[in-house]
PDB file of N, CA and C in Angstrom:
ATOM      1  N   MET A   1       1.000  -1.128   0.128  1.00  0.00           N
ATOM      2  CA  MET A   1       0.017   0.205  -0.006  1.00  0.00           C
ATOM      3  C   MET A   1       0.954   1.619  -0.075  1.00  0.00           C
ATOM      4  N   ASP A   2       2.224   0.849  -0.150  1.00  0.00           N
ATOM      5  CA  ASP A   2       2.630   2.344   0.315  1.00  0.00           C
ATOM      6  C   ASP A   2       2.644   2.995  -1.308  1.00  0.00           C
ATOM      7  N   GLY A   3       3.011   2.590  -2.681  1.00  0.00           N
ATOM      8  CA  GLY A   3       3.044   2.826  -3.723  1.00  0.00           C
ATOM      9  C   GLY A   3       1.571   3.130  -4.180  1.00  0.00           C
ATOM     10  N   LEU A   4       1.039   3.898  -3.061  1.00  0.00           N
ATOM     11  CA  LEU A   4      -0.551   4.746  -3.635  1.00  0.00           C
ATOM     12  C   LEU A   4      -0.596   6.143  -4.118  1.00  0.00           C
ATOM     13  N   THR A   5       0.312   6.454  -3.842  1.00  0.00           N
ATOM     14  CA  THR A   5       0.336   8.263  -4.404  1.00  0.00           C
ATOM     15  C   THR A   5       0.204   8.362  -5.469  1.00  0.00           C
ATOM     16  N   SER A   6       0.397   7.912  -6.491  1.00  0.00           N
ATOM     17  CA  SER A   6      -0.692   8.280  -7.759  1.00  0.00           C
ATOM     18  C   SER A   6      -1.587   7.688  -7.802  1.00  0.00           C
ATOM     19  N   LEU A   7      -2.435   6.838  -7.571  1.00  0.00           N
ATOM     20  CA  LEU A   7      -3.452   6.124  -7.932  1.00  0.00           C
ATOM     21  C   LEU A   7      -4.695   7.029  -8.053  1.00  0.00           C
ATOM     22  N   GLU A   8      -4.588   6.692  -9.338  1.00  0.00           N
ATOM     23  CA  GLU A   8      -5.820   7.647  -9.963  1.00  0.00           C
ATOM     24  C   GLU A   8      -7.058   7.227  -9.978  1.00  0.00           C
ATOM     25  N   TYR A   9      -7.810   5.883  -9.887  1.00  0.00           N
ATOM     26  CA  TYR A   9      -9.105   5.086 -10.648  1.00  0.00           C
ATOM     27  C   TYR A   9      -8.982   4.470  -8.669  1.00  0.00           C
ATOM     28  N   LEU A  10      -9.948   4.349  -8.563  1.00  0.00           N
ATOM     29  CA  LEU A  10     -11.106   3.581  -7.459  1.00  0.00           C
ATOM     30  C   LEU A  10     -11.797   3.009  -7.459  1.00  0.00           C
ATOM     31  N   LYS A  11     -12.591   1.981  -7.949  1.00  0.00           N
ATOM     32  CA  LYS A  11     -13.763   2.024  -8.281  1.00  0.00           C
ATOM     33  C   LYS A  11     -14.478   1.285  -6.768  1.00  0.00           C
ATOM     34  N   GLU A  12     -13.722   0.621  -5.375  1.00  0.00           N
ATOM     35  CA  GLU A  12     -14.588  -0.227  -4.765  1.00  0.00           C
ATOM     36  C   GLU A  12     -13.624   0.255  -3.817  1.00  0.00           C
ATOM     37  N   PHE A  13     -14.380  -0.225  -2.052  1.00  0.00           N
ATOM     38  CA  PHE A  13     -13.055  -0.002  -1.392  1.00  0.00           C
ATOM     39  C   PHE A  13     -12.997  -1.109  -0.435  1.00  0.00           C
ATOM     40  N   SER A  14     -11.546  -1.634  -0.425  1.00  0.00           N
ATOM     41  CA  SER A  14     -11.605  -3.373   0.005  1.00  0.00           C
ATOM     42  C   SER A  14     -11.708  -3.303   1.468  1.00  0.00           C
ATOM     43  N   GLN A  15     -11.706  -4.385   2.673  1.00  0.00           N
ATOM     44  CA  GLN A  15     -11.621  -4.203   3.912  1.00  0.00           C
ATOM     45  C   GLN A  15     -10.667  -3.821   4.259  1.00  0.00           C
ATOM     46  N   GLY A  16     -10.719  -2.442   4.938  1.00  0.00           N
ATOM     47  CA  GLY A  16      -9.457  -2.109   5.756  1.00  0.00           C
ATOM     48  C   GLY A  16      -8.610  -1.359   5.014  1.00  0.00           C
ATOM     49  N   LEU A  17      -9.131  -0.613   3.564  1.00  0.00           N
ATOM     50  CA  LEU A  17      -8.301   0.027   2.969  1.00  0.00           C
ATOM     51  C   LEU A  17      -7.912   1.529   3.826  1.00  0.00           C
ATOM     52  N   LEU A  18      -8.841   1.935   4.136  1.00  0.00           N
ATOM     53  CA  LEU A  18      -8.362   3.527   4.560  1.00  0.00           C
ATOM     54  C   LEU A  18      -8.347   3.527   6.163  1.00  0.00           C
ATOM     55  N   HIS A  19      -7.574   1.974   6.450  1.00  0.00           N
ATOM     56  CA  HIS A  19      -6.836   1.769   8.122  1.00  0.00           C
ATOM     57  C   HIS A  19      -5.651   2.189   7.365  1.00  0.00           C
ATOM     58  N   ARG A  20      -5.577   1.555   6.471  1.00  0.00           N
ATOM     59  CA  ARG A  20      -3.726   1.513   6.032  1.00  0.00           C
ATOM     60  C   ARG A  20      -3.609   3.001   4.821  1.00  0.00           C
ATOM     61  N   LEU A  21      -4.408   3.956   5.140  1.00  0.00           N
ATOM     62  CA  LEU A  21      -4.329   4.650   4.357  1.00  0.00           C
ATOM     63  C   LEU A  21      -4.724   5.858   5.847  1.00  0.00           C
ATOM     64  N   PRO A  22      -4.193   5.997   7.033  1.00  0.00           N
ATOM     65  CA  PRO A  22      -4.517   6.752   7.591  1.00  0.00           C
ATOM     66  C   PRO A  22      -4.178   9.029   7.778  1.00  0.00           C
ATOM     67  N   ASP A  23      -3.107   8.819   6.588  1.00  0.00           N
ATOM     68  CA  ASP A  23      -3.080   9.618   6.570  1.00  0.00           C
ATOM     69  C   ASP A  23      -3.704  10.383   5.148  1.00  0.00           C
ATOM     70  N   LEU A  24      -4.602   9.890   4.763  1.00  0.00           N
ATOM     71  CA  LEU A  24      -5.120  10.506   3.489  1.00  0.00           C
ATOM     72  C   LEU A  24      -6.712  11.323   3.697  1.00  0.00           C
ATOM     73  N   LYS A  25      -6.127  12.703   3.314  1.00  0.00           N
ATOM     74  CA  LYS A  25      -6.771  14.069   3.793  1.00  0.00           C
ATOM     75  C   LYS A  25      -7.954  14.367   3.174  1.00  0.00           C
ATOM     76  N   TYR A  26      -7.911  14.210   1.823  1.00  0.00           N
ATOM     77  CA  TYR A  26      -8.395  14.717   0.722  1.00  0.00           C
ATOM     78  C   TYR A  26      -8.756  13.284   0.080  1.00  0.00           C
ATOM     79  N   LEU A  27     -10.802  13.353   0.000  1.00  0.00           N
ATOM     80  CA  LEU A  27     -10.731  12.403  -1.023  1.00  0.00           C
ATOM     81  C   LEU A  27     -12.010  12.749  -2.110  1.00  0.00           C
ATOM     82  N   GLU A  28     -11.683  12.332  -3.717  1.00  0.00           N
ATOM     83  CA  GLU A  28     -12.705  13.020  -4.752  1.00  0.00           C
ATOM     84  C   GLU A  28     -12.873  12.079  -5.530  1.00  0.00           C
ATOM     85  N   ILE A  29     -14.487  12.020  -5.703  1.00  0.00           N
ATOM     86  CA  ILE A  29     -14.991  10.739  -6.492  1.00  0.00           C
ATOM     87  C   ILE A  29     -15.715  11.530  -7.374  1.00  0.00           C
ATOM     88  N   ARG A  30     -15.667  11.451  -8.424  1.00  0.00           N
ATOM     89  CA  ARG A  30     -16.224  11.854 -10.268  1.00  0.00           C
ATOM     90  C   ARG A  30     -16.790  11.475 -10.943  1.00  0.00           C
ATOM     91  N   HIS A  31     -17.498  10.995 -12.059  1.00  0.00           N
ATOM     92  CA  HIS A  31     -17.652   9.967 -12.805  1.00  0.00           C
ATOM     93  C   HIS A  31     -17.548   9.085 -12.801  1.00  0.00           C
ATOM     94  N   CYS A  32     -18.035   8.463 -11.359  1.00  0.00           N
ATOM     95  CA  CYS A  32     -18.943   6.673 -11.060  1.00  0.00           C
ATOM     96  C   CYS A  32     -19.958   6.811 -10.320  1.00  0.00           C
ATOM     97  N   PRO A  33     -21.016   7.199 -10.682  1.00  0.00           N
ATOM     98  CA  PRO A  33     -22.479   7.056  -9.698  1.00  0.00           C
ATOM     99  C   PRO A  33     -22.752   6.177  -8.847  1.00  0.00           C
ATOM    100  N   GLU A  34     -22.062   5.093  -9.387  1.00  0.00           N
ATOM    101  CA  GLU A  34     -22.512   3.891  -8.038  1.00  0.00           C
ATOM    102  C   GLU A  34     -21.071   4.346  -6.758  1.00  0.00           C
ATOM    103  N   LEU A  35     -19.705   4.669  -7.157  1.00  0.00           N
ATOM    104  CA  LEU A  35     -19.213   4.851  -6.615  1.00  0.00           C
ATOM    105  C   LEU A  35     -19.786   5.762  -5.215  1.00  0.00           C
ATOM    106  N   GLN A  36     -20.099   6.907  -5.902  1.00  0.00           N
ATOM    107  CA  GLN A  36     -20.381   7.961  -5.370  1.00  0.00           C
ATOM    108  C   GLN A  36     -22.501   7.908  -4.582  1.00  0.00           C
ATOM    109  N   ARG A  37     -22.487   7.111  -4.870  1.00  0.00           N
ATOM    110  CA  ARG A  37     -24.020   6.660  -3.801  1.00  0.00           C
ATOM    111  C   ARG A  37     -23.750   5.851  -2.675  1.00  0.00           C
ATOM    112  N   ARG A  38     -22.271   4.571  -2.991  1.00  0.00           N
ATOM    113  CA  ARG A  38     -21.755   4.011  -1.444  1.00  0.00           C
ATOM    114  C   ARG A  38     -21.270   4.791  -0.934  1.00  0.00           C
ATOM    115  N   CYS A  39     -20.320   5.702  -1.267  1.00  0.00           N
ATOM    116  CA  CYS A  39     -19.888   7.027  -0.472  1.00  0.00           C
ATOM    117  C   CYS A  39     -20.362   8.004   0.530  1.00  0.00           C
ATOM    118  N   ARG A  40     -21.825   8.257  -0.642  1.00  0.00           N
ATOM    119  CA  ARG A  40     -22.474   9.813   0.837  1.00  0.00           C
ATOM    120  C   ARG A  40     -23.605   9.126   1.417  1.00  0.00           C
ATOM    121  N   GLU A  41     -23.212  10.261   2.036  1.00  0.00           N
ATOM    122  CA  GLU A  41     -24.263   9.896   3.771  1.00  0.00           C
ATOM    123  C   GLU A  41     -25.266   8.746   3.148  1.00  0.00           C
ATOM    124  N   GLY A  42     -25.438   7.880   4.078  1.00  0.00           N
ATOM    125  CA  GLY A  42     -26.898   6.906   3.815  1.00  0.00           C
ATOM    126  C   GLY A  42     -25.905   5.725   3.340  1.00  0.00           C
ATOM    127  N   GLY A  43     -24.878   5.912   2.956  1.00  0.00           N
ATOM    128  CA  GLY A  43     -24.110   5.093   1.695  1.00  0.00           C
ATOM    129  C   GLY A  43     -23.479   3.579   2.112  1.00  0.00           C
ATOM    130  N   GLU A  44     -22.771   2.806   1.807  1.00  0.00           N
ATOM    131  CA  GLU A  44     -22.716   1.472   2.611  1.00  0.00           C
ATOM    132  C   GLU A  44     -21.321   1.484   3.214  1.00  0.00           C
ATOM    133  N   TYR A  45     -20.568   2.623   1.869  1.00  0.00           N
ATOM    134  CA  TYR A  45     -19.174   3.384   2.518  1.00  0.00           C
ATOM    135  C   TYR A  45     -19.168   4.401   3.029  1.00  0.00           C
ATOM    136  N   PHE A  46     -20.371   5.260   3.466  1.00  0.00           N
ATOM    137  CA  PHE A  46     -19.966   6.489   4.429  1.00  0.00           C
ATOM    138  C   PHE A  46     -18.948   6.013   5.582  1.00  0.00           C
ATOM    139  N   ASP A  47     -19.469   5.320   6.330  1.00  0.00           N
ATOM    140  CA  ASP A  47     -18.707   5.230   7.824  1.00  0.00           C
ATOM    141  C   ASP A  47     -17.190   5.012   7.709  1.00  0.00           C
ATOM    142  N   SER A  48     -16.624   4.385   6.391  1.00  0.00           N
ATOM    143  CA  SER A  48     -15.427   3.904   5.908  1.00  0.00           C
ATOM    144  C   SER A  48     -14.861   5.364   5.352  1.00  0.00           C
ATOM    145  N   VAL A  49     -15.416   6.368   4.862  1.00  0.00           N
ATOM    146  CA  VAL A  49     -14.830   7.323   4.297  1.00  0.00           C
ATOM    147  C   VAL A  49     -15.573   9.051   5.453  1.00  0.00           C
ATOM    148  N   SER A  50     -15.984   8.743   6.397  1.00  0.00           N
ATOM    149  CA  SER A  50     -16.502  10.174   7.286  1.00  0.00           C
ATOM    150  C   SER A  50     -15.526  10.824   7.898  1.00  0.00           C
ATOM    151  N   SER A  51     -14.207   9.726   8.161  1.00  0.00           N
ATOM    152  CA  SER A  51     -13.415  10.353   8.894  1.00  0.00           C
ATOM    153  C   SER A  51     -12.406  11.462   7.856  1.00  0.00           C
ATOM    154  N   ILE A  52     -12.497  11.071   7.196  1.00  0.00           N
ATOM    155  CA  ILE A  52     -12.291  12.131   5.770  1.00  0.00           C
ATOM    156  C   ILE A  52     -12.161  13.721   6.422  1.00  0.00           C
ATOM    157  N   ARG A  53     -11.295  14.419   5.994  1.00  0.00           N
ATOM    158  CA  ARG A  53     -11.179  15.952   6.663  1.00  0.00           C
ATOM    159  C   ARG A  53     -12.590  16.572   5.333  1.00  0.00           C
ATOM    160  N   LYS A  54     -11.642  16.513   4.581  1.00  0.00           N
ATOM    161  CA  LYS A  54     -12.178  16.833   2.755  1.00  0.00           C
ATOM    162  C   LYS A  54     -12.800  16.133   1.843  1.00  0.00           C
ATOM    163  N   LYS A  55     -13.314  16.061   1.673  1.00  0.00           N
ATOM    164  CA  LYS A  55     -14.245  15.159   0.881  1.00  0.00           C
ATOM    165  C   LYS A  55     -15.116  16.107  -0.431  1.00  0.00           C
ATOM    166  N   ASP A  56     -15.169  15.639  -1.626  1.00  0.00           N
ATOM    167  CA  ASP A  56     -15.726  16.500  -3.404  1.00  0.00           C
ATOM    168  C   ASP A  56     -16.050  14.727  -3.495  1.00  0.00           C
ATOM    169  N   ILE A  57     -17.507  14.632  -2.895  1.00  0.00           N
ATOM    170  CA  ILE A  57     -18.275  13.772  -3.702  1.00  0.00           C
ATOM    171  C   ILE A  57     -19.801  14.446  -4.019  1.00  0.00           C
ATOM    172  N   PRO A  58     -19.796  14.652  -5.343  1.00  0.00           N
ATOM    173  CA  PRO A  58     -21.018  15.268  -5.688  1.00  0.00           C
ATOM    174  C   PRO A  58     -21.845  14.075  -5.896  1.00  0.00           C
ATOM    175  N   PHE A  59     -23.184  14.834  -5.558  1.00  0.00           N
ATOM    176  CA  PHE A  59     -23.725  13.894  -6.576  1.00  0.00           C
ATOM    177  C   PHE A  59     -24.267  13.109  -7.662  1.00  0.00           C
ATOM    178  N   PRO A  60     -24.559  11.680  -8.251  1.00  0.00           N
ATOM    179  CA  PRO A  60     -24.633  11.223  -9.130  1.00  0.00           C
ATOM    180  C   PRO A  60     -25.374  12.064 -10.194  1.00  0.00           C
ATOM    181  N   ALA A  61     -24.428  11.844 -11.898  1.00  0.00           N
ATOM    182  CA  ALA A  61     -24.817  12.873 -12.589  1.00  0.00           C
ATOM    183  C   ALA A  61     -26.126  12.706 -12.683  1.00  0.00           C
ATOM    184  N   THR A  62     -27.586  13.118 -13.376  1.00  0.00           N
ATOM    185  CA  THR A  62     -28.085  12.560 -13.809  1.00  0.00           C
ATOM    186  C   THR A  62     -28.425  12.012 -15.222  1.00  0.00           C
ATOM    187  N   ALA A  63     -29.392  11.718 -15.937  1.00  0.00           N
ATOM    188  CA  ALA A  63     -29.577  10.918 -17.496  1.00  0.00           C
ATOM    189  C   ALA A  63     -28.877  11.800 -17.875  1.00  0.00           C
ATOM    190  N   ARG A  64     -29.624  13.160 -18.088  1.00  0.00           N
ATOM    191  CA  ARG A  64     -29.742  14.315 -18.786  1.00  0.00           C
ATOM    192  C   ARG A  64     -28.238  14.739 -18.993  1.00  0.00           C
ATOM    193  N   SER A  65     -27.061  14.747 -17.942  1.00  0.00           N
ATOM    194  CA  SER A  65     -25.935  15.234 -17.943  1.00  0.00           C
ATOM    195  C   SER A  65     -24.803  13.790 -18.692  1.00  0.00           C
ATOM    196  N   SER A  66     -25.285  12.714 -18.480  1.00  0.00           N
ATOM    197  CA  SER A  66     -24.608  11.764 -18.768  1.00  0.00           C
ATOM    198  C   SER A  66     -24.425  11.773 -20.303  1.00  0.00           C
ATOM    199  N   SER A  67     -24.529  13.173 -21.243  1.00  0.00           N
ATOM    200  CA  SER A  67     -24.429  12.695 -22.694  1.00  0.00           C
ATOM    201  C   SER A  67     -23.168  13.242 -22.813  1.00  0.00           C
ATOM    202  N   SER A  68     -22.269  13.522 -21.735  1.00  0.00           N
ATOM    203  CA  SER A  68     -21.415  14.619 -21.822  1.00  0.00           C
ATOM    204  C   SER A  68     -20.520  13.826 -22.688  1.00  0.00           C
ATOM    205  N   SER A  69     -19.690  13.828 -23.353  1.00  0.00           N
ATOM    206  CA  SER A  69     -18.329  13.387 -23.977  1.00  0.00           C
ATOM    207  C   SER A  69     -16.971  12.417 -22.480  1.00  0.00           C
ATOM    208  N   ILE A  70     -17.008  13.069 -21.801  1.00  0.00           N
ATOM    209  CA  ILE A  70     -16.703  12.739 -20.562  1.00  0.00           C
ATOM    210  C   ILE A  70     -16.803  11.132 -19.811  1.00  0.00           C
ATOM    211  N   THR A  71     -18.125  11.851 -19.855  1.00  0.00           N
ATOM    212  CA  THR A  71     -19.504  10.062 -19.206  1.00  0.00           C
ATOM    213  C   THR A  71     -19.298   8.878 -19.953  1.00  0.00           C
ATOM    214  N   LYS A  72     -18.982   9.650 -21.649  1.00  0.00           N
ATOM    215  CA  LYS A  72     -19.011   8.549 -22.351  1.00  0.00           C
ATOM    216  C   LYS A  72     -17.982   7.935 -22.596  1.00  0.00           C
ATOM    217  N   PHE A  73     -16.858   8.589 -22.243  1.00  0.00           N
ATOM    218  CA  PHE A  73     -15.209   7.508 -21.740  1.00  0.00           C
ATOM    219  C   PHE A  73     -15.438   7.377 -20.673  1.00  0.00           C
ATOM    220  N   VAL A  74     -15.575   7.740 -19.858  1.00  0.00           N
ATOM    221  CA  VAL A  74     -15.436   6.988 -18.656  1.00  0.00           C
ATOM    222  C   VAL A  74     -16.354   5.587 -18.793  1.00  0.00           C
ATOM    223  N   LYS A  75     -17.685   5.627 -18.913  1.00  0.00           N
ATOM    224  CA  LYS A  75     -18.204   4.450 -18.917  1.00  0.00           C
ATOM    225  C   LYS A  75     -17.921   3.598 -20.163  1.00  0.00           C
ATOM    226  N   LYS A  76     -17.177   3.673 -20.759  1.00  0.00           N
ATOM    227  CA  LYS A  76     -16.466   3.168 -22.055  1.00  0.00           C
ATOM    228  C   LYS A  76     -15.001   2.259 -21.135  1.00  0.00           C
ATOM    229  N   LEU A  77     -14.574   2.718 -20.853  1.00  0.00           N
ATOM    230  CA  LEU A  77     -13.480   2.264 -19.732  1.00  0.00           C
ATOM    231  C   LEU A  77     -13.901   1.515 -18.593  1.00  0.00           C
ATOM    232  N   LEU A  78     -14.961   2.107 -17.828  1.00  0.00           N
ATOM    233  CA  LEU A  78     -15.083   1.505 -16.290  1.00  0.00           C
ATOM    234  C   LEU A  78     -16.962   1.648 -16.735  1.00  0.00           C
ATOM    235  N   PRO A  79     -17.222   0.553 -17.125  1.00  0.00           N
ATOM    236  CA  PRO A  79     -17.989  -0.093 -17.678  1.00  0.00           C
ATOM    237  C   PRO A  79     -19.246   0.359 -16.015  1.00  0.00           C
ATOM    238  N   SER A  80     -19.068   0.085 -15.330  1.00  0.00           N
ATOM    239  CA  SER A  80     -20.365  -0.664 -14.302  1.00  0.00           C
ATOM    240  C   SER A  80     -20.067   0.999 -13.426  1.00  0.00           C
ATOM    241  N   CYS A  81     -19.697   2.091 -14.104  1.00  0.00           N
ATOM    242  CA  CYS A  81     -20.017   3.283 -13.714  1.00  0.00           C
ATOM    243  C   CYS A  81     -20.669   4.026 -14.109  1.00  0.00           C
TER     244      CYS A  81
END
């Protein structure tokens, strides 16, 4: 886990992942509605991320905004998002 300094994509949290990242101060989740839902208040991962001081987890994109080219690109790379 020491080599996560350049982590760019994370689709789900493994058991105890954040315990291995005690110095994590900022979490941003974009372009993955499923992970956004799970990490927001009430989601199954909320307790795992609640101790992170600064979080940027917007509400998942609506169907109308999913037509953007970046969303289409991400969906090709990460079909579950």
